[in-house]
Amino acid sequence: MAAKKTENKFDFSALSIEDGLKELDEITAKMQDPNLPLEEAFALYEKGTALLSYVNGKVESVEAKVRVLKGDGTTAPFGNYDGGSGDDGSGEGGGSGSAGGADPNGFYGDDELPFA
């Protein structure tokens, strides 16, 4: 799906993340053509950087909605998970931050699951 350009702004609002990534791939392929005129290369670069910014924003929005299950059974927003300290700013929980062998990212080895 082609984006429309109005006053040097592109409107990608109808694009899904997948469609945006596909269009970025197409732009990249076009820009690799050594016979591409310079003006067209600049136009594609401008469109590609705007599209990349849009897609990154959409991905960040989705990540903000994803939640992870913490070791104590509560959830925390994706990216704010502290590895199980229980201190998510809600005043609940507590702990040392290294619950039962969790690595700094909060993942457990097969023999160290918090619910076994």
C-alpha atoms as a PDB file:
ATOM      1  CA  MET A   1       0.000   0.000   0.000  1.00  0.00           C
ATOM      2  CA  ALA A   2       1.458   3.338  -1.001  1.00  0.00           C
ATOM      3  CA  ALA A   3       1.465   6.202   1.456  1.00  0.00           C
ATOM      4  CA  LYS A   4       0.082   9.545   0.372  1.00  0.00           C
ATOM      5  CA  LYS A   5       2.236  12.621   0.769  1.00  0.00           C
ATOM      6  CA  THR A   6       0.706  15.879   1.935  1.00  0.00           C
ATOM      7  CA  GLU A   7       2.787  18.954   2.678  1.00  0.00           C
ATOM      8  CA  ASN A   8       5.997  16.906   3.065  1.00  0.00           C
ATOM      9  CA  LYS A   9       4.288  14.543   5.521  1.00  0.00           C
ATOM     10  CA  PHE A  10       3.452  10.932   4.864  1.00  0.00           C
ATOM     11  CA  ASP A  11       0.272   9.333   6.141  1.00  0.00           C
ATOM     12  CA  PHE A  12       0.969   5.747   7.184  1.00  0.00           C
ATOM     13  CA  SER A  13      -2.027   5.460   9.509  1.00  0.00           C
ATOM     14  CA  ALA A  14      -3.647   2.715   7.400  1.00  0.00           C
ATOM     15  CA  LEU A  15      -0.517   0.515   7.514  1.00  0.00           C
ATOM     16  CA  SER A  16      -0.121  -2.402   9.873  1.00  0.00           C
ATOM     17  CA  ILE A  17       3.297  -3.142  11.341  1.00  0.00           C
ATOM     18  CA  GLU A  18       3.718  -6.013   8.895  1.00  0.00           C
ATOM     19  CA  ASP A  19       2.766  -3.886   5.888  1.00  0.00           C
ATOM     20  CA  GLY A  20       5.110  -1.145   7.072  1.00  0.00           C
ATOM     21  CA  LEU A  21       7.998  -3.586   7.355  1.00  0.00           C
ATOM     22  CA  LYS A  22       7.220  -4.976   3.905  1.00  0.00           C
ATOM     23  CA  GLU A  23       7.228  -1.475   2.438  1.00  0.00           C
ATOM     24  CA  LEU A  24      10.541  -0.729   4.185  1.00  0.00           C
ATOM     25  CA  ASP A  25      11.998  -3.848   2.535  1.00  0.00           C
ATOM     26  CA  GLU A  26      10.735  -2.637  -0.850  1.00  0.00           C
ATOM     27  CA  ILE A  27      12.246   0.821  -0.307  1.00  0.00           C
ATOM     28  CA  THR A  28      15.565  -0.746   0.706  1.00  0.00           C
ATOM     29  CA  ALA A  29      15.604  -2.933  -2.407  1.00  0.00           C
ATOM     30  CA  LYS A  30      14.887   0.056  -4.650  1.00  0.00           C
ATOM     31  CA  MET A  31      17.635   2.108  -3.006  1.00  0.00           C
ATOM     32  CA  GLN A  32      20.192  -0.615  -3.729  1.00  0.00           C
ATOM     33  CA  ASP A  33      19.795  -0.059  -7.465  1.00  0.00           C
ATOM     34  CA  PRO A  34      22.992   1.680  -8.645  1.00  0.00           C
ATOM     35  CA  ASN A  35      21.042   3.264 -11.538  1.00  0.00           C
ATOM     36  CA  LEU A  36      18.516   4.953  -9.244  1.00  0.00           C
ATOM     37  CA  PRO A  37      18.396   8.696  -9.935  1.00  0.00           C
ATOM     38  CA  LEU A  38      19.618  10.805  -7.021  1.00  0.00           C
ATOM     39  CA  GLU A  39      16.332  12.702  -6.601  1.00  0.00           C
ATOM     40  CA  GLU A  40      14.399   9.450  -6.395  1.00  0.00           C
ATOM     41  CA  ALA A  41      16.938   8.075  -3.896  1.00  0.00           C
ATOM     42  CA  PHE A  42      16.439  11.132  -1.685  1.00  0.00           C
ATOM     43  CA  ALA A  43      12.650  10.803  -1.934  1.00  0.00           C
ATOM     44  CA  LEU A  44      12.843   7.126  -0.998  1.00  0.00           C
ATOM     45  CA  TYR A  45      15.194   7.907   1.884  1.00  0.00           C
ATOM     46  CA  GLU A  46      12.784  10.539   3.218  1.00  0.00           C
ATOM     47  CA  LYS A  47       9.838   8.147   2.938  1.00  0.00           C
ATOM     48  CA  GLY A  48      11.839   5.290   4.484  1.00  0.00           C
ATOM     49  CA  THR A  49      12.945   7.283   7.521  1.00  0.00           C
ATOM     50  CA  ALA A  50       9.386   8.525   8.103  1.00  0.00           C
ATOM     51  CA  LEU A  51       8.053   4.980   7.730  1.00  0.00           C
ATOM     52  CA  LEU A  52      10.693   3.578  10.064  1.00  0.00           C
ATOM     53  CA  SER A  53       9.718   6.130  12.702  1.00  0.00           C
ATOM     54  CA  TYR A  54       6.033   5.203  12.282  1.00  0.00           C
ATOM     55  CA  VAL A  55       6.691   1.450  12.533  1.00  0.00           C
ATOM     56  CA  ASN A  56       8.916   1.915  15.604  1.00  0.00           C
ATOM     57  CA  GLY A  57       6.133   3.910  17.264  1.00  0.00           C
ATOM     58  CA  LYS A  58       3.604   1.175  16.512  1.00  0.00           C
ATOM     59  CA  VAL A  59       5.943  -1.501  17.934  1.00  0.00           C
ATOM     60  CA  GLU A  60       6.538   0.561  21.092  1.00  0.00           C
ATOM     61  CA  SER A  61       2.785   0.963  21.488  1.00  0.00           C
ATOM     62  CA  VAL A  62       2.283  -2.807  21.279  1.00  0.00           C
ATOM     63  CA  GLU A  63       5.141  -3.452  23.732  1.00  0.00           C
ATOM     64  CA  ALA A  64       3.547  -1.073  26.216  1.00  0.00           C
ATOM     65  CA  LYS A  65       0.411  -3.210  26.137  1.00  0.00           C
ATOM     66  CA  VAL A  66       2.208  -6.502  26.663  1.00  0.00           C
ATOM     67  CA  ARG A  67       2.498  -7.540  30.273  1.00  0.00           C
ATOM     68  CA  VAL A  68       4.734 -10.178  31.835  1.00  0.00           C
ATOM     69  CA  LEU A  69       3.898 -12.512  34.654  1.00  0.00           C
ATOM     70  CA  LYS A  70       6.210 -12.034  37.621  1.00  0.00           C
ATOM     71  CA  GLY A  71       7.335 -14.843  39.919  1.00  0.00           C
ATOM     72  CA  ASP A  72       4.908 -13.803  42.683  1.00  0.00           C
ATOM     73  CA  GLY A  73       1.885 -14.169  40.383  1.00  0.00           C
ATOM     74  CA  THR A  74       1.402 -10.454  39.713  1.00  0.00           C
ATOM     75  CA  THR A  75       1.981  -8.770  36.385  1.00  0.00           C
ATOM     76  CA  ALA A  76       4.192  -5.870  35.367  1.00  0.00           C
ATOM     77  CA  PRO A  77       4.290  -3.840  32.167  1.00  0.00           C
ATOM     78  CA  PHE A  78       6.684  -5.231  29.565  1.00  0.00           C
ATOM     79  CA  GLY A  79      10.022  -3.463  29.861  1.00  0.00           C
ATOM     80  CA  ASN A  80       9.449  -2.474  33.486  1.00  0.00           C
ATOM     81  CA  TYR A  81       9.925  -5.947  34.875  1.00  0.00           C
ATOM     82  CA  ASP A  82      12.717  -5.868  37.451  1.00  0.00           C
ATOM     83  CA  GLY A  83      13.411  -9.578  37.698  1.00  0.00           C
ATOM     84  CA  GLY A  84      11.134 -10.369  40.597  1.00  0.00           C
ATOM     85  CA  SER A  85      11.859  -7.783  43.278  1.00  0.00           C
ATOM     86  CA  GLY A  86       8.148  -7.200  43.695  1.00  0.00           C
ATOM     87  CA  ASP A  87       8.716  -3.452  43.828  1.00  0.00           C
ATOM     88  CA  ASP A  88       6.792  -2.210  40.823  1.00  0.00           C
ATOM     89  CA  GLY A  89       5.888   1.083  42.448  1.00  0.00           C
ATOM     90  CA  SER A  90       2.529  -0.222  43.625  1.00  0.00           C
ATOM     91  CA  GLY A  91       3.597  -0.619  47.230  1.00  0.00           C
ATOM     92  CA  GLU A  92       3.088  -4.366  47.041  1.00  0.00           C
ATOM     93  CA  GLY A  93       5.624  -7.079  47.413  1.00  0.00           C
ATOM     94  CA  GLY A  94       9.226  -6.743  48.316  1.00  0.00           C
ATOM     95  CA  GLY A  95      12.226  -8.918  47.984  1.00  0.00           C
ATOM     96  CA  SER A  96      15.822  -8.954  46.999  1.00  0.00           C
ATOM     97  CA  GLY A  97      15.515  -8.770  43.202  1.00  0.00           C
ATOM     98  CA  SER A  98      17.054 -12.217  42.696  1.00  0.00           C
ATOM     99  CA  ALA A  99      14.167 -14.478  43.517  1.00  0.00           C
ATOM    100  CA  GLY A 100      15.257 -18.100  43.673  1.00  0.00           C
ATOM    101  CA  GLY A 101      18.004 -18.100  41.076  1.00  0.00           C
ATOM    102  CA  ALA A 102      16.440 -15.751  38.521  1.00  0.00           C
ATOM    103  CA  ASP A 103      18.863 -14.038  36.218  1.00  0.00           C
ATOM    104  CA  PRO A 104      18.760 -10.218  35.989  1.00  0.00           C
ATOM    105  CA  ASN A 105      16.044 -10.478  33.328  1.00  0.00           C
ATOM    106  CA  GLY A 106      13.824 -12.597  35.557  1.00  0.00           C
ATOM    107  CA  PHE A 107      14.255 -15.872  33.699  1.00  0.00           C
ATOM    108  CA  TYR A 108      14.684 -19.139  35.556  1.00  0.00           C
ATOM    109  CA  GLY A 109      16.662 -22.241  34.746  1.00  0.00           C
ATOM    110  CA  ASP A 110      14.690 -25.461  34.219  1.00  0.00           C
ATOM    111  CA  ASP A 111      15.459 -26.652  37.745  1.00  0.00           C
ATOM    112  CA  GLU A 112      14.750 -23.264  39.391  1.00  0.00           C
ATOM    113  CA  LEU A 113      11.148 -22.517  38.437  1.00  0.00           C
ATOM    114  CA  PRO A 114       9.413 -20.368  41.070  1.00  0.00           C
ATOM    115  CA  PHE A 115       6.227 -22.442  41.022  1.00  0.00           C
ATOM    116  CA  ALA A 116       7.588 -25.986  41.037  1.00  0.00           C
END
